[in-house]
Amino acid sequence: MNKPNKPQITREELRILKRNRKEQWVGIVVALVIPAFVASIFKERYPLLDLTAMNNVEFNFFISNVLMISVILNSIIFGIGLRLKRDGLARGVLLGSFAAAACLIYFKFIA
């Protein structure tokens, strides 16, 4: 009984797969760091903004604004990644954007 030949992967395909995997992790990290970056800009812009003194409604409003801006920035980076044919980067940013959008939905509608 002969075993069917497995399709062999070329060095070029392997290199592309490794690059996509690395780009995907970079995209996830970028997408998850952007909300912290936006929050720090808010904090720098409004120095009297005290997160500990906010009530629940104000805090949810602040978080939802930060996450909305983050989702917009992530979608811009996603578009750039697709335009530059960096599939791994675009996939990673998309995954991170889903996480940010889930937080946005939670803070906007559930909390």
PDB file of N, CA and C in Angstrom:
ATOM      1  N   MET A   1       0.834  -1.169   0.000  1.00  0.00           N
ATOM      2  CA  MET A   1       0.000   0.000   0.000  1.00  0.00           C
ATOM      3  C   MET A   1       0.890   1.249   0.000  1.00  0.00           C
ATOM      4  N   ASN A   2       0.789   2.009  -1.025  1.00  0.00           N
ATOM      5  CA  ASN A   2       1.612   3.213  -1.162  1.00  0.00           C
ATOM      6  C   ASN A   2       0.956   4.403  -0.455  1.00  0.00           C
ATOM      7  N   LYS A   3       1.788   5.158   0.243  1.00  0.00           N
ATOM      8  CA  LYS A   3       1.297   6.382   0.865  1.00  0.00           C
ATOM      9  C   LYS A   3       1.295   7.483  -0.195  1.00  0.00           C
ATOM     10  N   PRO A   4       0.249   8.307  -0.186  1.00  0.00           N
ATOM     11  CA  PRO A   4       0.269   9.422  -1.154  1.00  0.00           C
ATOM     12  C   PRO A   4       1.348  10.422  -0.774  1.00  0.00           C
ATOM     13  N   ASN A   5       1.940  11.019  -1.779  1.00  0.00           N
ATOM     14  CA  ASN A   5       2.989  12.010  -1.532  1.00  0.00           C
ATOM     15  C   ASN A   5       2.391  13.262  -0.903  1.00  0.00           C
ATOM     16  N   LYS A   6       3.039  13.700   0.149  1.00  0.00           N
ATOM     17  CA  LYS A   6       2.606  14.951   0.769  1.00  0.00           C
ATOM     18  C   LYS A   6       3.122  16.098  -0.093  1.00  0.00           C
ATOM     19  N   PRO A   7       2.319  17.119  -0.236  1.00  0.00           N
ATOM     20  CA  PRO A   7       2.834  18.260  -1.005  1.00  0.00           C
ATOM     21  C   PRO A   7       3.984  18.922  -0.244  1.00  0.00           C
ATOM     22  N   GLN A   8       5.065  19.123  -0.929  1.00  0.00           N
ATOM     23  CA  GLN A   8       6.245  19.721  -0.310  1.00  0.00           C
ATOM     24  C   GLN A   8       6.118  21.243  -0.328  1.00  0.00           C
ATOM     25  N   ILE A   9       6.492  21.843   0.800  1.00  0.00           N
ATOM     26  CA  ILE A   9       6.442  23.293   0.885  1.00  0.00           C
ATOM     27  C   ILE A   9       7.826  23.832   0.517  1.00  0.00           C
ATOM     28  N   THR A  10       7.833  24.849  -0.301  1.00  0.00           N
ATOM     29  CA  THR A  10       9.109  25.397  -0.752  1.00  0.00           C
ATOM     30  C   THR A  10       9.670  26.347   0.304  1.00  0.00           C
ATOM     31  N   ARG A  11      10.937  26.673   0.143  1.00  0.00           N
ATOM     32  CA  ARG A  11      11.576  27.612   1.073  1.00  0.00           C
ATOM     33  C   ARG A  11      10.912  28.982   1.017  1.00  0.00           C
ATOM     34  N   GLU A  12      10.526  29.385  -0.161  1.00  0.00           N
ATOM     35  CA  GLU A  12       9.886  30.698  -0.322  1.00  0.00           C
ATOM     36  C   GLU A  12       8.537  30.745   0.409  1.00  0.00           C
ATOM     37  N   GLU A  13       7.746  29.685   0.276  1.00  0.00           N
ATOM     38  CA  GLU A  13       6.460  29.630   0.976  1.00  0.00           C
ATOM     39  C   GLU A  13       6.652  29.605   2.486  1.00  0.00           C
ATOM     40  N   LEU A  14       7.645  28.875   2.951  1.00  0.00           N
ATOM     41  CA  LEU A  14       7.942  28.820   4.375  1.00  0.00           C
ATOM     42  C   LEU A  14       8.367  30.185   4.904  1.00  0.00           C
ATOM     43  N   ARG A  15       9.166  30.887   4.122  1.00  0.00           N
ATOM     44  CA  ARG A  15       9.604  32.233   4.508  1.00  0.00           C
ATOM     45  C   ARG A  15       8.418  33.184   4.608  1.00  0.00           C
ATOM     46  N   ILE A  16       7.491  33.091   3.669  1.00  0.00           N
ATOM     47  CA  ILE A  16       6.299  33.942   3.685  1.00  0.00           C
ATOM     48  C   ILE A  16       5.417  33.610   4.890  1.00  0.00           C
ATOM     49  N   LEU A  17       5.262  32.332   5.200  1.00  0.00           N
ATOM     50  CA  LEU A  17       4.452  31.939   6.359  1.00  0.00           C
ATOM     51  C   LEU A  17       5.055  32.466   7.665  1.00  0.00           C
ATOM     52  N   LYS A  18       6.388  32.369   7.797  1.00  0.00           N
ATOM     53  CA  LYS A  18       7.052  32.873   8.996  1.00  0.00           C
ATOM     54  C   LYS A  18       6.896  34.386   9.101  1.00  0.00           C
ATOM     55  N   ARG A  19       7.044  35.073   7.983  1.00  0.00           N
ATOM     56  CA  ARG A  19       6.894  36.530   7.985  1.00  0.00           C
ATOM     57  C   ARG A  19       5.469  36.922   8.376  1.00  0.00           C
ATOM     58  N   ASN A  20       4.475  36.203   7.839  1.00  0.00           N
ATOM     59  CA  ASN A  20       3.082  36.504   8.173  1.00  0.00           C
ATOM     60  C   ASN A  20       2.808  36.284   9.652  1.00  0.00           C
ATOM     61  N   ARG A  21       3.396  35.227  10.217  1.00  0.00           N
ATOM     62  CA  ARG A  21       3.183  34.950  11.638  1.00  0.00           C
ATOM     63  C   ARG A  21       3.776  36.067  12.490  1.00  0.00           C
ATOM     64  N   LYS A  22       4.981  36.519  12.147  1.00  0.00           N
ATOM     65  CA  LYS A  22       5.607  37.614  12.890  1.00  0.00           C
ATOM     66  C   LYS A  22       4.797  38.898  12.740  1.00  0.00           C
ATOM     67  N   GLU A  23       4.352  39.181  11.529  1.00  0.00           N
ATOM     68  CA  GLU A  23       3.553  40.381  11.298  1.00  0.00           C
ATOM     69  C   GLU A  23       2.241  40.328  12.060  1.00  0.00           C
ATOM     70  N   GLN A  24       1.672  39.136  12.177  1.00  0.00           N
ATOM     71  CA  GLN A  24       0.411  39.006  12.905  1.00  0.00           C
ATOM     72  C   GLN A  24       0.600  39.380  14.375  1.00  0.00           C
ATOM     73  N   TRP A  25       1.687  38.929  14.981  1.00  0.00           N
ATOM     74  CA  TRP A  25       1.942  39.279  16.379  1.00  0.00           C
ATOM     75  C   TRP A  25       2.198  40.770  16.523  1.00  0.00           C
ATOM     76  N   VAL A  26       2.904  41.358  15.571  1.00  0.00           N
ATOM     77  CA  VAL A  26       3.132  42.809  15.602  1.00  0.00           C
ATOM     78  C   VAL A  26       1.789  43.537  15.511  1.00  0.00           C
ATOM     79  N   GLY A  27       0.912  43.076  14.638  1.00  0.00           N
ATOM     80  CA  GLY A  27      -0.402  43.698  14.496  1.00  0.00           C
ATOM     81  C   GLY A  27      -1.238  43.597  15.754  1.00  0.00           C
ATOM     82  N   ILE A  28      -1.199  42.451  16.411  1.00  0.00           N
ATOM     83  CA  ILE A  28      -1.965  42.288  17.656  1.00  0.00           C
ATOM     84  C   ILE A  28      -1.427  43.234  18.730  1.00  0.00           C
ATOM     85  N   VAL A  29      -0.110  43.316  18.856  1.00  0.00           N
ATOM     86  CA  VAL A  29       0.483  44.203  19.860  1.00  0.00           C
ATOM     87  C   VAL A  29       0.141  45.661  19.553  1.00  0.00           C
ATOM     88  N   VAL A  30       0.236  46.051  18.289  1.00  0.00           N
ATOM     89  CA  VAL A  30      -0.095  47.422  17.905  1.00  0.00           C
ATOM     90  C   VAL A  30      -1.550  47.730  18.229  1.00  0.00           C
ATOM     91  N   ALA A  31      -2.442  46.810  17.891  1.00  0.00           N
ATOM     92  CA  ALA A  31      -3.865  47.040  18.115  1.00  0.00           C
ATOM     93  C   ALA A  31      -4.209  47.106  19.598  1.00  0.00           C
ATOM     94  N   LEU A  32      -3.466  46.420  20.432  1.00  0.00           N
ATOM     95  CA  LEU A  32      -3.746  46.455  21.861  1.00  0.00           C
ATOM     96  C   LEU A  32      -3.034  47.603  22.580  1.00  0.00           C
ATOM     97  N   VAL A  33      -1.993  48.166  21.965  1.00  0.00           N
ATOM     98  CA  VAL A  33      -1.284  49.289  22.575  1.00  0.00           C
ATOM     99  C   VAL A  33      -1.959  50.625  22.225  1.00  0.00           C
ATOM    100  N   ILE A  34      -2.631  50.686  21.098  1.00  0.00           N
ATOM    101  CA  ILE A  34      -3.248  51.941  20.660  1.00  0.00           C
ATOM    102  C   ILE A  34      -4.224  52.501  21.701  1.00  0.00           C
ATOM    103  N   PRO A  35      -5.112  51.697  22.334  1.00  0.00           N
ATOM    104  CA  PRO A  35      -5.992  52.303  23.353  1.00  0.00           C
ATOM    105  C   PRO A  35      -5.224  52.950  24.511  1.00  0.00           C
ATOM    106  N   ALA A  36      -4.150  52.344  24.940  1.00  0.00           N
ATOM    107  CA  ALA A  36      -3.345  52.945  26.009  1.00  0.00           C
ATOM    108  C   ALA A  36      -2.712  54.255  25.535  1.00  0.00           C
ATOM    109  N   PHE A  37      -2.279  54.268  24.284  1.00  0.00           N
ATOM    110  CA  PHE A  37      -1.698  55.481  23.706  1.00  0.00           C
ATOM    111  C   PHE A  37      -2.734  56.597  23.636  1.00  0.00           C
ATOM    112  N   VAL A  38      -3.943  56.279  23.176  1.00  0.00           N
ATOM    113  CA  VAL A  38      -5.006  57.281  23.080  1.00  0.00           C
ATOM    114  C   VAL A  38      -5.395  57.791  24.472  1.00  0.00           C
ATOM    115  N   ALA A  39      -5.473  56.878  25.445  1.00  0.00           N
ATOM    116  CA  ALA A  39      -5.806  57.293  26.813  1.00  0.00           C
ATOM    117  C   ALA A  39      -4.732  58.216  27.384  1.00  0.00           C
ATOM    118  N   SER A  40      -3.474  57.938  27.085  1.00  0.00           N
ATOM    119  CA  SER A  40      -2.406  58.805  27.591  1.00  0.00           C
ATOM    120  C   SER A  40      -2.472  60.186  26.933  1.00  0.00           C
ATOM    121  N   ILE A  41      -2.887  60.244  25.661  1.00  0.00           N
ATOM    122  CA  ILE A  41      -3.054  61.536  24.999  1.00  0.00           C
ATOM    123  C   ILE A  41      -4.186  62.322  25.669  1.00  0.00           C
ATOM    124  N   PHE A  42      -5.301  61.624  25.970  1.00  0.00           N
ATOM    125  CA  PHE A  42      -6.399  62.273  26.680  1.00  0.00           C
ATOM    126  C   PHE A  42      -5.917  62.806  28.026  1.00  0.00           C
ATOM    127  N   LYS A  43      -5.159  61.995  28.726  1.00  0.00           N
ATOM    128  CA  LYS A  43      -4.676  62.373  30.054  1.00  0.00           C
ATOM    129  C   LYS A  43      -3.733  63.570  29.966  1.00  0.00           C
ATOM    130  N   GLU A  44      -2.905  63.611  28.924  1.00  0.00           N
ATOM    131  CA  GLU A  44      -1.981  64.726  28.748  1.00  0.00           C
ATOM    132  C   GLU A  44      -2.734  65.985  28.319  1.00  0.00           C
ATOM    133  N   ARG A  45      -3.728  65.812  27.492  1.00  0.00           N
ATOM    134  CA  ARG A  45      -4.505  66.954  26.985  1.00  0.00           C
ATOM    135  C   ARG A  45      -5.362  67.582  28.082  1.00  0.00           C
ATOM    136  N   TYR A  46      -5.917  66.748  28.925  1.00  0.00           N
ATOM    137  CA  TYR A  46      -6.763  67.225  30.026  1.00  0.00           C
ATOM    138  C   TYR A  46      -6.120  66.812  31.354  1.00  0.00           C
ATOM    139  N   PRO A  47      -5.194  67.623  31.880  1.00  0.00           N
ATOM    140  CA  PRO A  47      -4.464  67.209  33.091  1.00  0.00           C
ATOM    141  C   PRO A  47      -5.350  67.109  34.339  1.00  0.00           C
ATOM    142  N   LEU A  48      -6.492  67.777  34.347  1.00  0.00           N
ATOM    143  CA  LEU A  48      -7.375  67.700  35.508  1.00  0.00           C
ATOM    144  C   LEU A  48      -8.258  66.463  35.476  1.00  0.00           C
ATOM    145  N   LEU A  49      -8.106  65.667  34.428  1.00  0.00           N
ATOM    146  CA  LEU A  49      -8.909  64.456  34.296  1.00  0.00           C
ATOM    147  C   LEU A  49      -8.443  63.429  35.328  1.00  0.00           C
ATOM    148  N   ASP A  50      -9.271  63.173  36.310  1.00  0.00           N
ATOM    149  CA  ASP A  50      -8.928  62.242  37.375  1.00  0.00           C
ATOM    150  C   ASP A  50      -9.817  61.009  37.248  1.00  0.00           C
ATOM    151  N   LEU A  51      -9.222  59.912  36.806  1.00  0.00           N
ATOM    152  CA  LEU A  51     -10.008  58.705  36.581  1.00  0.00           C
ATOM    153  C   LEU A  51     -10.561  58.123  37.873  1.00  0.00           C
ATOM    154  N   THR A  52      -9.867  58.373  38.996  1.00  0.00           N
ATOM    155  CA  THR A  52     -10.339  57.806  40.265  1.00  0.00           C
ATOM    156  C   THR A  52     -11.538  58.564  40.825  1.00  0.00           C
ATOM    157  N   ALA A  53     -11.683  59.850  40.434  1.00  0.00           N
ATOM    158  CA  ALA A  53     -12.789  60.646  40.968  1.00  0.00           C
ATOM    159  C   ALA A  53     -14.038  60.575  40.082  1.00  0.00           C
ATOM    160  N   MET A  54     -13.941  59.887  38.950  1.00  0.00           N
ATOM    161  CA  MET A  54     -15.087  59.805  38.043  1.00  0.00           C
ATOM    162  C   MET A  54     -16.145  58.861  38.597  1.00  0.00           C
ATOM    163  N   ASN A  55     -17.397  59.195  38.304  1.00  0.00           N
ATOM    164  CA  ASN A  55     -18.436  58.223  38.625  1.00  0.00           C
ATOM    165  C   ASN A  55     -18.534  57.218  37.471  1.00  0.00           C
ATOM    166  N   ASN A  56     -19.402  56.262  37.597  1.00  0.00           N
ATOM    167  CA  ASN A  56     -19.459  55.156  36.634  1.00  0.00           C
ATOM    168  C   ASN A  56     -19.824  55.633  35.231  1.00  0.00           C
ATOM    169  N   VAL A  57     -20.756  56.576  35.128  1.00  0.00           N
ATOM    170  CA  VAL A  57     -21.195  57.057  33.813  1.00  0.00           C
ATOM    171  C   VAL A  57     -20.074  57.813  33.113  1.00  0.00           C
ATOM    172  N   GLU A  58     -19.386  58.683  33.841  1.00  0.00           N
ATOM    173  CA  GLU A  58     -18.276  59.431  33.248  1.00  0.00           C
ATOM    174  C   GLU A  58     -17.141  58.501  32.822  1.00  0.00           C
ATOM    175  N   PHE A  59     -16.850  57.524  33.642  1.00  0.00           N
ATOM    176  CA  PHE A  59     -15.781  56.584  33.307  1.00  0.00           C
ATOM    177  C   PHE A  59     -16.140  55.785  32.058  1.00  0.00           C
ATOM    178  N   ASN A  60     -17.388  55.316  31.958  1.00  0.00           N
ATOM    179  CA  ASN A  60     -17.812  54.580  30.765  1.00  0.00           C
ATOM    180  C   ASN A  60     -17.754  55.459  29.531  1.00  0.00           C
ATOM    181  N   PHE A  61     -18.102  56.737  29.680  1.00  0.00           N
ATOM    182  CA  PHE A  61     -18.033  57.670  28.552  1.00  0.00           C
ATOM    183  C   PHE A  61     -16.587  57.854  28.101  1.00  0.00           C
ATOM    184  N   PHE A  62     -15.673  58.011  29.071  1.00  0.00           N
ATOM    185  CA  PHE A  62     -14.256  58.168  28.757  1.00  0.00           C
ATOM    186  C   PHE A  62     -13.717  56.932  28.041  1.00  0.00           C
ATOM    187  N   ILE A  63     -14.021  55.758  28.583  1.00  0.00           N
ATOM    188  CA  ILE A  63     -13.526  54.509  27.988  1.00  0.00           C
ATOM    189  C   ILE A  63     -14.102  54.315  26.591  1.00  0.00           C
ATOM    190  N   SER A  64     -15.390  54.601  26.421  1.00  0.00           N
ATOM    191  CA  SER A  64     -15.991  54.398  25.104  1.00  0.00           C
ATOM    192  C   SER A  64     -15.390  55.353  24.078  1.00  0.00           C
ATOM    193  N   ASN A  65     -15.082  56.595  24.484  1.00  0.00           N
ATOM    194  CA  ASN A  65     -14.422  57.524  23.551  1.00  0.00           C
ATOM    195  C   ASN A  65     -13.032  57.041  23.171  1.00  0.00           C
ATOM    196  N   VAL A  66     -12.275  56.585  24.153  1.00  0.00           N
ATOM    197  CA  VAL A  66     -10.929  56.073  23.881  1.00  0.00           C
ATOM    198  C   VAL A  66     -10.994  54.877  22.935  1.00  0.00           C
ATOM    199  N   LEU A  67     -11.925  53.969  23.195  1.00  0.00           N
ATOM    200  CA  LEU A  67     -12.008  52.772  22.358  1.00  0.00           C
ATOM    201  C   LEU A  67     -12.528  53.079  20.959  1.00  0.00           C
ATOM    202  N   MET A  68     -13.431  54.057  20.828  1.00  0.00           N
ATOM    203  CA  MET A  68     -13.900  54.432  19.491  1.00  0.00           C
ATOM    204  C   MET A  68     -12.760  54.997  18.651  1.00  0.00           C
ATOM    205  N   ILE A  69     -11.967  55.874  19.241  1.00  0.00           N
ATOM    206  CA  ILE A  69     -10.816  56.424  18.518  1.00  0.00           C
ATOM    207  C   ILE A  69      -9.828  55.308  18.185  1.00  0.00           C
ATOM    208  N   SER A  70      -9.650  54.371  19.102  1.00  0.00           N
ATOM    209  CA  SER A  70      -8.729  53.257  18.869  1.00  0.00           C
ATOM    210  C   SER A  70      -9.206  52.376  17.718  1.00  0.00           C
ATOM    211  N   VAL A  71     -10.498  52.113  17.656  1.00  0.00           N
ATOM    212  CA  VAL A  71     -11.034  51.293  16.564  1.00  0.00           C
ATOM    213  C   VAL A  71     -10.832  51.997  15.225  1.00  0.00           C
ATOM    214  N   ILE A  72     -11.011  53.320  15.204  1.00  0.00           N
ATOM    215  CA  ILE A  72     -10.782  54.073  13.966  1.00  0.00           C
ATOM    216  C   ILE A  72      -9.314  53.986  13.546  1.00  0.00           C
ATOM    217  N   LEU A  73      -8.392  54.181  14.499  1.00  0.00           N
ATOM    218  CA  LEU A  73      -6.963  54.085  14.174  1.00  0.00           C
ATOM    219  C   LEU A  73      -6.577  52.677  13.734  1.00  0.00           C
ATOM    220  N   ASN A  74      -7.143  51.671  14.399  1.00  0.00           N
ATOM    221  CA  ASN A  74      -6.850  50.290  14.014  1.00  0.00           C
ATOM    222  C   ASN A  74      -7.359  49.991  12.612  1.00  0.00           C
ATOM    223  N   SER A  75      -8.514  50.531  12.245  1.00  0.00           N
ATOM    224  CA  SER A  75      -9.026  50.279  10.894  1.00  0.00           C
ATOM    225  C   SER A  75      -8.158  50.958   9.842  1.00  0.00           C
ATOM    226  N   ILE A  76      -7.589  52.123  10.188  1.00  0.00           N
ATOM    227  CA  ILE A  76      -6.668  52.777   9.264  1.00  0.00           C
ATOM    228  C   ILE A  76      -5.415  51.925   9.072  1.00  0.00           C
ATOM    229  N   ILE A  77      -4.862  51.408  10.168  1.00  0.00           N
ATOM    230  CA  ILE A  77      -3.675  50.553  10.067  1.00  0.00           C
ATOM    231  C   ILE A  77      -4.006  49.268   9.311  1.00  0.00           C
ATOM    232  N   PHE A  78      -5.218  48.729   9.524  1.00  0.00           N
ATOM    233  CA  PHE A  78      -5.659  47.533   8.782  1.00  0.00           C
ATOM    234  C   PHE A  78      -5.671  47.821   7.288  1.00  0.00           C
ATOM    235  N   GLY A  79      -6.211  48.964   6.897  1.00  0.00           N
ATOM    236  CA  GLY A  79      -6.247  49.328   5.482  1.00  0.00           C
ATOM    237  C   GLY A  79      -4.856  49.505   4.901  1.00  0.00           C
ATOM    238  N   ILE A  80      -3.959  50.111   5.675  1.00  0.00           N
ATOM    239  CA  ILE A  80      -2.578  50.272   5.214  1.00  0.00           C
ATOM    240  C   ILE A  80      -1.915  48.910   5.041  1.00  0.00           C
ATOM    241  N   GLY A  81      -2.161  48.002   6.011  1.00  0.00           N
ATOM    242  CA  GLY A  81      -1.583  46.657   5.910  1.00  0.00           C
ATOM    243  C   GLY A  81      -2.070  45.917   4.676  1.00  0.00           C
ATOM    244  N   LEU A  82      -3.360  46.064   4.365  1.00  0.00           N
ATOM    245  CA  LEU A  82      -3.877  45.414   3.156  1.00  0.00           C
ATOM    246  C   LEU A  82      -3.311  46.054   1.895  1.00  0.00           C
ATOM    247  N   ARG A  83      -3.197  47.372   1.913  1.00  0.00           N
ATOM    248  CA  ARG A  83      -2.698  48.083   0.737  1.00  0.00           C
ATOM    249  C   ARG A  83      -1.243  47.708   0.444  1.00  0.00           C
ATOM    250  N   LEU A  84      -0.463  47.497   1.504  1.00  0.00           N
ATOM    251  CA  LEU A  84       0.946  47.136   1.331  1.00  0.00           C
ATOM    252  C   LEU A  84       1.155  45.633   1.167  1.00  0.00           C
ATOM    253  N   LYS A  85       0.053  44.911   1.087  1.00  0.00           N
ATOM    254  CA  LYS A  85       0.070  43.457   0.934  1.00  0.00           C
ATOM    255  C   LYS A  85       0.796  42.774   2.096  1.00  0.00           C
ATOM    256  N   ARG A  86       0.572  43.278   3.297  1.00  0.00           N
ATOM    257  CA  ARG A  86       1.092  42.679   4.524  1.00  0.00           C
ATOM    258  C   ARG A  86      -0.075  41.984   5.208  1.00  0.00           C
ATOM    259  N   ASP A  87      -0.348  40.773   4.766  1.00  0.00           N
ATOM    260  CA  ASP A  87      -1.533  40.059   5.236  1.00  0.00           C
ATOM    261  C   ASP A  87      -1.461  39.741   6.728  1.00  0.00           C
ATOM    262  N   GLY A  88      -0.281  39.383   7.210  1.00  0.00           N
ATOM    263  CA  GLY A  88      -0.135  39.054   8.624  1.00  0.00           C
ATOM    264  C   GLY A  88      -0.420  40.256   9.511  1.00  0.00           C
ATOM    265  N   LEU A  89       0.106  41.419   9.135  1.00  0.00           N
ATOM    266  CA  LEU A  89      -0.127  42.637   9.905  1.00  0.00           C
ATOM    267  C   LEU A  89      -1.611  42.982   9.917  1.00  0.00           C
ATOM    268  N   ALA A  90      -2.234  42.907   8.764  1.00  0.00           N
ATOM    269  CA  ALA A  90      -3.660  43.223   8.685  1.00  0.00           C
ATOM    270  C   ALA A  90      -4.485  42.249   9.523  1.00  0.00           C
ATOM    271  N   ARG A  91      -4.138  40.977   9.484  1.00  0.00           N
ATOM    272  CA  ARG A  91      -4.870  39.975  10.273  1.00  0.00           C
ATOM    273  C   ARG A  91      -4.703  40.227  11.769  1.00  0.00           C
ATOM    274  N   GLY A  92      -3.499  40.564  12.201  1.00  0.00           N
ATOM    275  CA  GLY A  92      -3.255  40.834  13.606  1.00  0.00           C
ATOM    276  C   GLY A  92      -3.989  42.072  14.094  1.00  0.00           C
ATOM    277  N   VAL A  93      -3.976  43.136  13.295  1.00  0.00           N
ATOM    278  CA  VAL A  93      -4.690  44.354  13.678  1.00  0.00           C
ATOM    279  C   VAL A  93      -6.192  44.088  13.713  1.00  0.00           C
ATOM    280  N   LEU A  94      -6.664  43.260  12.806  1.00  0.00           N
ATOM    281  CA  LEU A  94      -8.089  42.919  12.809  1.00  0.00           C
ATOM    282  C   LEU A  94      -8.473  42.174  14.086  1.00  0.00           C
ATOM    283  N   LEU A  95      -7.644  41.246  14.512  1.00  0.00           N
ATOM    284  CA  LEU A  95      -7.915  40.529  15.764  1.00  0.00           C
ATOM    285  C   LEU A  95      -7.918  41.481  16.965  1.00  0.00           C
ATOM    286  N   GLY A  96      -6.941  42.367  17.004  1.00  0.00           N
ATOM    287  CA  GLY A  96      -6.894  43.349  18.086  1.00  0.00           C
ATOM    288  C   GLY A  96      -8.070  44.309  18.042  1.00  0.00           C
ATOM    289  N   SER A  97      -8.517  44.659  16.844  1.00  0.00           N
ATOM    290  CA  SER A  97      -9.668  45.550  16.711  1.00  0.00           C
ATOM    291  C   SER A  97     -10.936  44.875  17.202  1.00  0.00           C
ATOM    292  N   PHE A  98     -11.059  43.575  16.972  1.00  0.00           N
ATOM    293  CA  PHE A  98     -12.216  42.857  17.499  1.00  0.00           C
ATOM    294  C   PHE A  98     -12.220  42.911  19.026  1.00  0.00           C
ATOM    295  N   ALA A  99     -11.042  42.789  19.629  1.00  0.00           N
ATOM    296  CA  ALA A  99     -10.967  42.870  21.086  1.00  0.00           C
ATOM    297  C   ALA A  99     -11.367  44.263  21.572  1.00  0.00           C
ATOM    298  N   ALA A 100     -10.884  45.304  20.894  1.00  0.00           N
ATOM    299  CA  ALA A 100     -11.237  46.670  21.283  1.00  0.00           C
ATOM    300  C   ALA A 100     -12.724  46.938  21.052  1.00  0.00           C
ATOM    301  N   ALA A 101     -13.265  46.418  19.962  1.00  0.00           N
ATOM    302  CA  ALA A 101     -14.695  46.608  19.686  1.00  0.00           C
ATOM    303  C   ALA A 101     -15.554  45.873  20.717  1.00  0.00           C
ATOM    304  N   ALA A 102     -15.106  44.702  21.148  1.00  0.00           N
ATOM    305  CA  ALA A 102     -15.851  43.972  22.176  1.00  0.00           C
ATOM    306  C   ALA A 102     -15.856  44.759  23.484  1.00  0.00           C
ATOM    307  N   CYS A 103     -14.720  45.359  23.838  1.00  0.00           N
ATOM    308  CA  CYS A 103     -14.681  46.204  25.040  1.00  0.00           C
ATOM    309  C   CYS A 103     -15.590  47.414  24.875  1.00  0.00           C
ATOM    310  N   LEU A 104     -15.592  48.007  23.688  1.00  0.00           N
ATOM    311  CA  LEU A 104     -16.450  49.159  23.432  1.00  0.00           C
ATOM    312  C   LEU A 104     -17.918  48.796  23.605  1.00  0.00           C
ATOM    313  N   ILE A 105     -18.325  47.673  23.042  1.00  0.00           N
ATOM    314  CA  ILE A 105     -19.719  47.234  23.170  1.00  0.00           C
ATOM    315  C   ILE A 105     -20.057  46.969  24.636  1.00  0.00           C
ATOM    316  N   TYR A 106     -19.142  46.367  25.351  1.00  0.00           N
ATOM    317  CA  TYR A 106     -19.381  46.078  26.763  1.00  0.00           C
ATOM    318  C   TYR A 106     -19.594  47.368  27.558  1.00  0.00           C
ATOM    319  N   PHE A 107     -18.661  48.331  27.389  1.00  0.00           N
ATOM    320  CA  PHE A 107     -18.758  49.558  28.181  1.00  0.00           C
ATOM    321  C   PHE A 107     -19.918  50.445  27.732  1.00  0.00           C
ATOM    322  N   LYS A 108     -20.268  50.380  26.455  1.00  0.00           N
ATOM    323  CA  LYS A 108     -21.309  51.261  25.934  1.00  0.00           C
ATOM    324  C   LYS A 108     -22.704  50.746  26.272  1.00  0.00           C
ATOM    325  N   PHE A 109     -22.910  49.446  26.185  1.00  0.00           N
ATOM    326  CA  PHE A 109     -24.270  48.921  26.286  1.00  0.00           C
ATOM    327  C   PHE A 109     -24.532  48.055  27.509  1.00  0.00           C
ATOM    328  N   ILE A 110     -23.521  47.365  28.003  1.00  0.00           N
ATOM    329  CA  ILE A 110     -23.757  46.416  29.091  1.00  0.00           C
ATOM    330  C   ILE A 110     -23.457  47.039  30.454  1.00  0.00           C
ATOM    331  N   ALA A 111     -22.302  47.695  30.568  1.00  0.00           N
ATOM    332  CA  ALA A 111     -21.902  48.252  31.875  1.00  0.00           C
ATOM    333  C   ALA A 111     -22.713  49.495  32.224  1.00  0.00           C
TER     334      ALA A 111
END
